[in-house]
Amino acid sequence: MESTLHCYRKYGHHAAGLAMIPGLAHFRSRQYKVGVLTCTAISVLLLWVFWLAILQFGSQHSNLAAARACFLLWTLVVWEASVFHAYYSTIRQRQQDGARQSVDLAVQISASGLSQFRASARTKNLSRTGACLVASNALPVNTQVTIAFDGHPIHNARVIWSKSTGNETGTLVGVEFARPLASLSRQRAA
């Protein structure tokens, strides 16, 4: 799995950026318990830091500075741990969603843009986040397409790669769905 890790890092970087605001990346990835726990822990620790600051400046006790520094350090540790957790859990979830299953389904592809394009294809494999299609024609990379599986609802996707199969039977086209599929079981049952 290490060889494909580089493909998923961009999602981890995005989640880590969101985690700069405590809990935001966890809420976005539907990890509500972790998000609430992170926000609560950081809030409680920061309240202690401010309370100790008020006590220190109100009573001129220098011994509270060390306690305040300790609580501030633990606040930073919890925050940094939440950033790392958001990064790695997002990568792990994306890898699980990207697990391919061999599925043979009829697919209707349509692309709009400078020219209208409609074609039939078959799936070679399918995951929640994308598919490998066997099409009659090559599609340019980054082309926005819509895909219908055996007449089921349409999914928006983007072509990420396209290459010849080498035996004149068609072209392999890799697409990434704009939104992950809700379930592969519904697509496979069709």
Protein backbone atom coordinates (compact mmCIF):
# COMPACT_ATOMS: atom_id res chain seq x y z
CA MET A 1 0.00 0.00 0.00
CA GLU A 2 3.03 2.26 0.45
CA SER A 3 3.48 2.57 -3.33
CA THR A 4 0.10 4.31 -3.71
CA LEU A 5 0.43 6.52 -0.63
CA HIS A 6 1.60 9.47 -2.70
CA CYS A 7 -1.76 9.49 -4.53
CA TYR A 8 -3.61 10.08 -1.26
CA ARG A 9 -1.33 12.63 0.40
CA LYS A 10 -3.14 15.59 -1.17
CA TYR A 11 -6.26 14.60 0.77
CA GLY A 12 -4.23 14.35 3.98
CA HIS A 13 -2.70 17.79 3.40
CA HIS A 14 -6.16 19.28 2.92
CA ALA A 15 -7.42 17.65 6.14
CA ALA A 16 -4.36 18.83 8.07
CA GLY A 17 -5.00 22.37 6.84
CA LEU A 18 -8.59 22.18 8.03
CA ALA A 19 -7.42 20.79 11.39
CA MET A 20 -5.61 24.06 12.09
CA ILE A 21 -9.02 25.05 13.39
CA PRO A 22 -9.49 22.43 16.13
CA GLY A 23 -12.05 19.80 15.24
CA LEU A 24 -12.97 21.16 11.79
CA ALA A 25 -11.31 18.35 9.78
CA HIS A 26 -12.87 15.74 12.03
CA PHE A 27 -16.34 17.22 11.67
CA ARG A 28 -15.89 17.40 7.89
CA SER A 29 -14.90 13.73 7.73
CA ARG A 30 -17.85 12.78 9.99
CA GLN A 31 -15.66 11.83 12.95
CA TYR A 32 -17.91 13.74 15.31
CA LYS A 33 -16.75 12.15 18.57
CA VAL A 34 -13.09 12.93 17.83
CA GLY A 35 -14.01 16.47 16.77
CA VAL A 36 -16.01 17.14 19.93
CA LEU A 37 -13.32 15.57 22.10
CA THR A 38 -10.61 17.69 20.44
CA CYS A 39 -12.59 20.92 20.80
CA THR A 40 -13.49 20.14 24.41
CA ALA A 41 -9.94 19.22 25.43
CA ILE A 42 -8.41 22.31 23.83
CA SER A 43 -11.11 24.57 25.28
CA VAL A 44 -10.65 23.21 28.81
CA LEU A 45 -6.87 23.49 28.61
CA LEU A 46 -7.06 27.06 27.29
CA LEU A 47 -9.53 28.00 30.02
CA TRP A 48 -7.02 26.75 32.61
CA VAL A 49 -4.26 28.77 30.95
CA PHE A 50 -6.35 31.94 31.07
CA TRP A 51 -7.56 31.27 34.61
CA LEU A 52 -4.00 30.78 35.81
CA ALA A 53 -2.94 33.97 34.01
CA ILE A 54 -5.68 35.92 35.78
CA LEU A 55 -4.67 34.44 39.14
CA GLN A 56 -0.97 35.12 38.50
CA PHE A 57 -1.45 38.74 37.52
CA GLY A 58 -4.00 39.33 40.27
CA SER A 59 -1.86 37.96 43.08
CA GLN A 60 1.68 38.38 41.69
CA HIS A 61 2.53 34.68 42.25
CA SER A 62 5.37 33.66 40.01
CA ASN A 63 4.89 29.97 40.80
CA LEU A 64 1.75 29.93 38.60
CA ALA A 65 3.83 30.70 35.49
CA ALA A 66 5.19 27.15 35.39
CA ALA A 67 1.69 25.66 35.72
CA ARG A 68 0.39 27.97 33.00
CA ALA A 69 3.26 26.96 30.70
CA CYS A 70 2.48 23.30 31.37
CA PHE A 71 -1.19 23.72 30.44
CA LEU A 72 -0.20 25.70 27.33
CA LEU A 73 2.22 22.94 26.32
CA TRP A 74 -0.51 20.29 26.71
CA THR A 75 -2.85 22.45 24.62
CA LEU A 76 -0.30 22.50 21.82
CA VAL A 77 0.26 18.73 22.15
CA VAL A 78 -3.48 18.00 21.85
CA TRP A 79 -3.80 20.37 18.89
CA GLU A 80 -0.81 18.84 17.08
CA ALA A 81 -2.12 15.32 17.76
CA SER A 82 -5.47 16.28 16.22
CA VAL A 83 -3.68 17.61 13.09
CA PHE A 84 -1.73 14.34 12.71
CA HIS A 85 -4.87 12.27 13.35
CA ALA A 86 -6.81 14.22 10.71
CA TYR A 87 -3.97 13.77 8.20
CA TYR A 88 -3.52 10.02 8.64
CA SER A 89 -7.17 9.09 9.17
CA THR A 90 -8.13 10.94 5.97
CA ILE A 91 -5.47 9.08 3.99
CA ARG A 92 -6.56 5.75 5.49
CA GLN A 93 -10.24 6.44 4.70
CA ARG A 94 -9.41 7.48 1.14
CA GLN A 95 -7.39 4.29 0.64
CA GLN A 96 -10.30 2.19 1.89
CA ASP A 97 -12.72 4.05 -0.37
CA GLY A 98 -10.33 3.57 -3.30
CA ALA A 99 -10.16 -0.23 -2.98
CA ARG A 100 -11.04 -1.56 -6.42
CA GLN A 101 -13.41 -4.42 -7.12
CA SER A 102 -13.64 -6.22 -10.46
CA VAL A 103 -17.07 -5.38 -11.81
CA ASP A 104 -18.42 -5.66 -15.35
CA LEU A 105 -21.21 -3.13 -15.89
CA ALA A 106 -22.51 -1.31 -18.95
CA VAL A 107 -21.80 2.40 -18.69
CA GLN A 108 -23.03 5.41 -20.62
CA ILE A 109 -20.50 8.25 -20.79
CA SER A 110 -21.32 11.78 -21.87
CA ALA A 111 -19.10 14.84 -21.90
CA SER A 112 -20.04 18.39 -22.65
CA GLY A 113 -17.72 21.21 -23.50
CA LEU A 114 -16.39 22.26 -26.86
CA SER A 115 -18.01 19.22 -28.46
CA GLN A 116 -20.77 16.92 -27.29
CA PHE A 117 -19.59 13.37 -26.67
CA ARG A 118 -21.63 10.25 -25.93
CA ALA A 119 -20.31 6.71 -25.79
CA SER A 120 -20.94 3.31 -24.29
CA ALA A 121 -18.30 1.56 -22.25
CA ARG A 122 -17.84 -1.23 -19.72
CA THR A 123 -16.30 -1.09 -16.29
CA LYS A 124 -13.15 -3.07 -15.65
CA ASN A 125 -13.09 -2.24 -11.97
CA LEU A 126 -14.95 0.07 -9.63
CA SER A 127 -14.42 1.70 -6.26
CA ARG A 128 -16.35 4.27 -4.25
CA THR A 129 -14.05 7.02 -5.58
CA GLY A 130 -13.50 6.03 -9.20
CA ALA A 131 -13.57 3.46 -11.97
CA CYS A 132 -11.52 2.01 -14.77
CA LEU A 133 -13.56 1.96 -17.96
CA VAL A 134 -12.98 0.19 -21.26
CA ALA A 135 -14.16 2.68 -23.88
CA SER A 136 -13.96 2.73 -27.65
CA ASN A 137 -12.29 6.17 -27.77
CA ALA A 138 -9.66 7.90 -25.68
CA LEU A 139 -10.80 10.82 -23.57
CA PRO A 140 -8.52 13.76 -22.77
CA VAL A 141 -7.27 14.01 -19.18
CA ASN A 142 -9.27 16.41 -16.95
CA THR A 143 -12.39 16.10 -19.12
CA GLN A 144 -15.54 16.44 -17.02
CA VAL A 145 -17.91 13.56 -17.80
CA THR A 146 -21.19 12.19 -16.54
CA ILE A 147 -21.57 8.44 -16.09
CA ALA A 148 -24.71 6.32 -15.82
CA PHE A 149 -24.39 2.68 -14.69
CA ASP A 150 -26.91 0.45 -16.47
CA GLY A 151 -29.41 3.29 -16.50
CA HIS A 152 -28.97 4.05 -12.77
CA PRO A 153 -28.43 7.60 -11.51
CA ILE A 154 -25.84 9.75 -13.15
CA HIS A 155 -22.51 10.46 -11.45
CA ASN A 156 -20.23 13.38 -12.28
CA ALA A 157 -16.61 12.41 -12.78
CA ARG A 158 -13.27 13.63 -14.13
CA VAL A 159 -10.92 11.70 -16.42
CA ILE A 160 -7.58 11.26 -14.65
CA TRP A 161 -5.84 9.06 -17.17
CA SER A 162 -6.44 7.41 -20.52
CA LYS A 163 -4.32 4.83 -22.36
CA SER A 164 -4.62 2.30 -25.13
CA THR A 165 -5.18 -1.34 -24.22
CA GLY A 166 -2.67 -2.31 -26.89
CA ASN A 167 -4.98 -4.74 -28.68
CA GLU A 168 -7.36 -2.50 -30.63
CA THR A 169 -10.32 -3.50 -28.43
CA GLY A 170 -10.56 -0.12 -26.82
CA THR A 171 -9.01 2.37 -24.49
CA LEU A 172 -8.70 2.18 -20.72
CA VAL A 173 -10.00 5.34 -19.07
CA GLY A 174 -9.57 6.10 -15.38
CA VAL A 175 -12.19 8.38 -13.84
CA GLU A 176 -12.53 9.90 -10.39
CA PHE A 177 -16.04 10.59 -9.12
CA ALA A 178 -16.84 14.09 -7.91
CA ARG A 179 -18.54 12.50 -4.87
CA PRO A 180 -17.84 8.99 -3.63
CA LEU A 181 -20.50 6.44 -4.45
CA ALA A 182 -22.88 5.74 -1.60
CA SER A 183 -22.50 1.99 -1.95
CA LEU A 184 -20.93 -0.43 -4.37
CA SER A 185 -23.53 -3.08 -3.61
CA ARG A 186 -26.23 -1.11 -5.44
CA GLN A 187 -23.96 -0.69 -8.48
CA ARG A 188 -22.99 -4.38 -8.49
CA ALA A 189 -26.56 -5.61 -8.09
CA ALA A 190 -27.60 -3.86 -11.29
